[in-house]
Protein backbone atom coordinates (compact mmCIF):
# COMPACT_ATOMS: atom_id res chain seq x y z
CA MET A 1 -6.25 -12.16 -21.54
CA THR A 2 -4.75 -12.35 -18.06
CA LYS A 3 -6.78 -11.56 -14.99
CA GLN A 4 -5.41 -8.76 -12.83
CA THR A 5 -5.77 -8.41 -9.10
CA PRO A 6 -8.76 -6.29 -8.04
CA TYR A 7 -7.97 -2.75 -6.94
CA ALA A 8 -9.74 0.51 -6.19
CA ILE A 9 -8.87 4.19 -6.18
CA ILE A 10 -10.25 5.90 -3.09
CA GLU A 11 -10.25 9.44 -1.78
CA SER A 12 -9.52 10.21 1.86
CA GLY A 13 -8.48 13.56 3.29
CA SER A 14 -8.38 15.20 -0.17
CA LYS A 15 -5.76 12.66 -1.29
CA GLN A 16 -6.21 9.70 -3.62
CA TYR A 17 -4.86 6.20 -2.98
CA ARG A 18 -4.67 3.08 -5.15
CA VAL A 19 -5.44 0.15 -2.86
CA GLU A 20 -5.68 -3.63 -3.09
CA VAL A 21 -6.79 -6.15 -0.47
CA GLY A 22 -4.01 -6.54 2.11
CA ASP A 23 -2.43 -3.12 1.49
CA ILE A 24 -1.40 -1.01 4.48
CA ILE A 25 -1.63 2.75 3.90
CA ASP A 26 -1.29 5.90 5.98
CA VAL A 27 -4.23 8.32 5.67
CA GLU A 28 -5.15 11.62 7.30
CA LEU A 29 -6.55 11.52 10.85
CA PHE A 30 -10.23 10.75 11.43
CA ASP A 31 -12.34 9.80 14.43
CA CYS A 32 -12.32 6.05 15.01
CA GLU A 33 -11.03 3.63 17.63
CA GLU A 34 -8.05 1.37 17.06
CA GLY A 35 -8.94 -2.11 15.81
CA LYS A 36 -12.37 -1.04 14.57
CA PRO A 37 -13.53 -1.44 10.96
CA VAL A 38 -13.47 1.63 8.71
CA GLU A 39 -15.40 2.21 5.46
CA PHE A 40 -14.26 4.50 2.66
CA GLN A 41 -17.33 5.67 0.70
CA ASN A 42 -15.50 7.86 -1.85
CA VAL A 43 -14.49 5.18 -4.36
CA LEU A 44 -13.43 6.94 -7.57
CA MET A 45 -12.64 3.79 -9.58
CA LEU A 46 -13.09 0.07 -9.03
CA HIS A 47 -11.41 -2.71 -11.02
CA ASP A 48 -12.71 -6.17 -10.10
CA GLY A 49 -10.22 -8.15 -12.18
CA THR A 50 -12.08 -8.13 -15.49
CA LYS A 51 -14.07 -4.92 -15.80
CA VAL A 52 -13.55 -1.33 -14.71
CA ALA A 53 -16.17 0.90 -13.08
CA VAL A 54 -15.37 4.62 -13.19
CA GLY A 55 -17.41 6.99 -11.06
CA ALA A 56 -18.68 10.44 -11.83
CA PRO A 57 -17.29 11.43 -9.34
CA CYS A 58 -17.86 8.29 -7.18
CA VAL A 59 -18.88 4.72 -8.06
CA ASP A 60 -22.42 3.98 -6.80
CA LYS A 61 -22.70 1.42 -3.96
CA ALA A 62 -18.94 0.77 -3.95
CA VAL A 63 -17.26 0.59 -0.55
CA VAL A 64 -13.72 -0.17 0.54
CA ARG A 65 -13.54 -1.71 4.01
CA ALA A 66 -10.42 -1.45 6.16
CA GLU A 67 -9.23 -2.08 9.69
CA LEU A 68 -7.65 0.70 11.74
CA LEU A 69 -4.21 -0.40 12.96
CA GLY A 70 -3.25 2.72 14.91
CA ALA A 71 -1.75 6.18 14.79
CA VAL A 72 1.71 6.79 13.33
CA ARG A 73 3.86 9.86 12.74
CA GLY A 74 5.42 10.82 9.45
CA PRO A 75 9.01 11.88 8.85
CA LYS A 76 10.28 15.12 10.34
CA VAL A 77 10.35 18.06 7.93
CA ILE A 78 12.70 20.96 8.70
CA ALA A 79 11.87 24.51 7.62
CA TYR A 80 14.75 26.98 7.91
CA LYS A 81 14.30 30.71 7.39
CA TYR A 82 17.35 32.92 6.93
CA LYS A 83 18.02 36.52 6.01
CA ARG A 84 21.60 37.35 5.20
CA ARG A 85 23.44 40.08 7.11
CA LYS A 86 20.46 40.65 9.44
CA ASN A 87 21.29 38.08 12.15
CA TYR A 88 17.91 36.42 11.50
CA HIS A 89 17.40 32.67 11.32
CA ARG A 90 14.58 30.39 12.44
CA LYS A 91 14.56 26.62 12.45
CA VAL A 92 11.15 24.93 12.72
CA GLY A 93 10.43 21.20 12.63
CA HIS A 94 7.13 19.44 11.89
CA ARG A 95 5.89 15.84 12.02
CA GLN A 96 2.49 15.00 10.56
CA ASP A 97 0.21 12.53 12.35
CA TYR A 98 -1.40 9.75 10.28
CA GLN A 99 -3.69 6.79 10.82
CA ARG A 100 -2.47 3.44 9.51
CA VAL A 101 -5.18 1.25 7.97
CA LYS A 102 -5.15 -2.22 6.41
CA ILE A 103 -7.49 -2.81 3.46
CA THR A 104 -9.64 -5.89 4.10
CA GLU A 105 -12.34 -5.89 1.41
CA LEU A 106 -13.42 -4.24 -1.86
CA VAL A 107 -17.21 -4.24 -2.25
CA SER A 108 -18.89 -3.26 -5.51
């Protein structure tokens, strides 16, 4: 049986992410200063390389620690409204703001 790399499934901003140590992910905005450590308490599943711990809904005493790298912006999304023969058209653009974090530690 081969040993897999440890990973966790966390929830942040009503979205779920599969993370390993060293991963860099973009999550929803939260209040924290750049360069400071961040802890994700909502760990839904934790795999330490040999065994799996599944929470109901969260794994007890499991924490994923990360470092806040900074704020980034997502890709621009264009919404275009149009009604034929009515001379009506609206073009609206949107860019979502995210926080980029680097996963440093998985604690069970």
